[in-house]
C-alpha atoms as a PDB file:
ATOM      1  CA  MET A   1      31.997  -1.400   3.545  1.00  0.00           C
ATOM      2  CA  THR A   2      34.325   1.450   3.516  1.00  0.00           C
ATOM      3  CA  PRO A   3      35.723   3.316   6.684  1.00  0.00           C
ATOM      4  CA  ASP A   4      33.620   6.275   6.168  1.00  0.00           C
ATOM      5  CA  GLN A   5      30.314   4.207   5.728  1.00  0.00           C
ATOM      6  CA  CYS A   6      31.104   2.673   8.896  1.00  0.00           C
ATOM      7  CA  LYS A   7      31.527   5.833  10.446  1.00  0.00           C
ATOM      8  CA  ALA A   8      27.854   7.384   8.827  1.00  0.00           C
ATOM      9  CA  ALA A   9      26.232   4.336   9.752  1.00  0.00           C
ATOM     10  CA  ARG A  10      27.315   4.296  12.979  1.00  0.00           C
ATOM     11  CA  ALA A  11      26.244   7.967  13.367  1.00  0.00           C
ATOM     12  CA  MET A  12      22.957   6.994  11.798  1.00  0.00           C
ATOM     13  CA  ALA A  13      22.187   4.528  13.939  1.00  0.00           C
ATOM     14  CA  ARG A  14      23.436   6.184  17.142  1.00  0.00           C
ATOM     15  CA  LEU A  15      26.203   4.306  18.284  1.00  0.00           C
ATOM     16  CA  SER A  16      29.523   4.810  19.761  1.00  0.00           C
ATOM     17  CA  GLN A  17      32.481   2.628  18.606  1.00  0.00           C
ATOM     18  CA  GLN A  18      32.243   0.861  21.867  1.00  0.00           C
ATOM     19  CA  GLN A  19      28.161   0.275  21.500  1.00  0.00           C
ATOM     20  CA  LEU A  20      29.025  -1.043  18.118  1.00  0.00           C
ATOM     21  CA  ALA A  21      31.625  -3.212  19.070  1.00  0.00           C
ATOM     22  CA  ASP A  22      29.344  -5.059  21.892  1.00  0.00           C
ATOM     23  CA  LEU A  23      26.920  -5.587  19.490  1.00  0.00           C
ATOM     24  CA  ALA A  24      28.861  -7.123  16.861  1.00  0.00           C
ATOM     25  CA  ASP A  25      30.954  -9.070  19.395  1.00  0.00           C
ATOM     26  CA  VAL A  26      34.484  -7.348  18.288  1.00  0.00           C
ATOM     27  CA  ALA A  27      37.090  -5.125  19.730  1.00  0.00           C
ATOM     28  CA  LYS A  28      36.483  -1.610  19.589  1.00  0.00           C
ATOM     29  CA  ALA A  29      40.064  -0.958  18.634  1.00  0.00           C
ATOM     30  CA  THR A  30      39.287  -3.256  15.690  1.00  0.00           C
ATOM     31  CA  ILE A  31      36.248   0.093  14.664  1.00  0.00           C
ATOM     32  CA  ALA A  32      38.849   2.585  15.471  1.00  0.00           C
ATOM     33  CA  ASN A  33      41.661   0.973  13.642  1.00  0.00           C
ATOM     34  CA  PHE A  34      39.296   0.658  10.585  1.00  0.00           C
ATOM     35  CA  GLU A  35      37.331   4.043  10.652  1.00  0.00           C
ATOM     36  CA  THR A  36      40.621   5.820  10.617  1.00  0.00           C
ATOM     37  CA  GLY A  37      42.134   3.539   7.756  1.00  0.00           C
ATOM     38  CA  ASN A  38      44.843   2.252   9.877  1.00  0.00           C
ATOM     39  CA  ARG A  39      43.872  -1.590   9.200  1.00  0.00           C
ATOM     40  CA  LYS A  40      41.339  -3.385   7.345  1.00  0.00           C
ATOM     41  CA  PRO A  41      39.292  -6.077   9.353  1.00  0.00           C
ATOM     42  CA  TYR A  42      38.664  -9.970   8.468  1.00  0.00           C
ATOM     43  CA  LYS A  43      35.707 -10.507   6.050  1.00  0.00           C
ATOM     44  CA  ARG A  44      33.980 -11.925   8.876  1.00  0.00           C
ATOM     45  CA  THR A  45      34.325  -8.999  11.044  1.00  0.00           C
ATOM     46  CA  LEU A  46      33.356  -6.534   8.034  1.00  0.00           C
ATOM     47  CA  ASP A  47      29.851  -8.878   7.627  1.00  0.00           C
ATOM     48  CA  ALA A  48      29.518  -8.638  11.560  1.00  0.00           C
ATOM     49  CA  LEU A  49      29.716  -5.008  11.792  1.00  0.00           C
ATOM     50  CA  GLN A  50      27.333  -4.809   8.718  1.00  0.00           C
ATOM     51  CA  SER A  51      25.000  -6.695  10.110  1.00  0.00           C
ATOM     52  CA  THR A  52      24.558  -5.090  13.137  1.00  0.00           C
ATOM     53  CA  LEU A  53      23.966  -2.072  11.451  1.00  0.00           C
ATOM     54  CA  GLU A  54      21.748  -3.235   9.436  1.00  0.00           C
ATOM     55  CA  ALA A  55      19.746  -4.708  12.218  1.00  0.00           C
ATOM     56  CA  ARG A  56      19.857  -0.952  13.595  1.00  0.00           C
ATOM     57  CA  GLY A  57      18.111   0.143  10.484  1.00  0.00           C
ATOM     58  CA  VAL A  58      20.914   1.254   7.950  1.00  0.00           C
ATOM     59  CA  GLN A  59      21.362   0.093   4.441  1.00  0.00           C
ATOM     60  CA  PHE A  60      24.355  -0.021   2.667  1.00  0.00           C
ATOM     61  CA  THR A  61      24.462   1.454  -0.852  1.00  0.00           C
ATOM     62  CA  PRO A  62      27.003   1.546  -3.593  1.00  0.00           C
ATOM     63  CA  ASP A  63      27.482   5.565  -2.547  1.00  0.00           C
ATOM     64  CA  GLY A  64      27.395   5.287   0.954  1.00  0.00           C
ATOM     65  CA  VAL A  65      24.866   4.590   3.356  1.00  0.00           C
ATOM     66  CA  GLN A  66      21.301   5.458   4.329  1.00  0.00           C
ATOM     67  CA  THR A  67      18.488   5.151   6.666  1.00  0.00           C
ATOM     68  CA  LYS A  68      15.449   2.810   6.056  1.00  0.00           C
ATOM     69  CA  ARG A  69      12.364   4.672   5.683  1.00  0.00           C
ATOM     70  CA  ALA A  70       8.978   3.244   7.709  1.00  0.00           C
ATOM     71  CA  SER A  71       6.865   1.887   4.825  1.00  0.00           C
END
């Protein structure tokens, strides 16, 4: 997941940085620093963020992110 994908996925899931941090059990500063490109989180942190966003209906693709469509 890239910083831009994280930001877009958060927007699609309608989550603030603080809400995502609470749900993924990471620090808000970690998300803020990642999204601004200041730091790259550990893999386990990225996995937690991605899993949390996917549970909220976001799909990560090689070209970006999209919301899951209801079947």
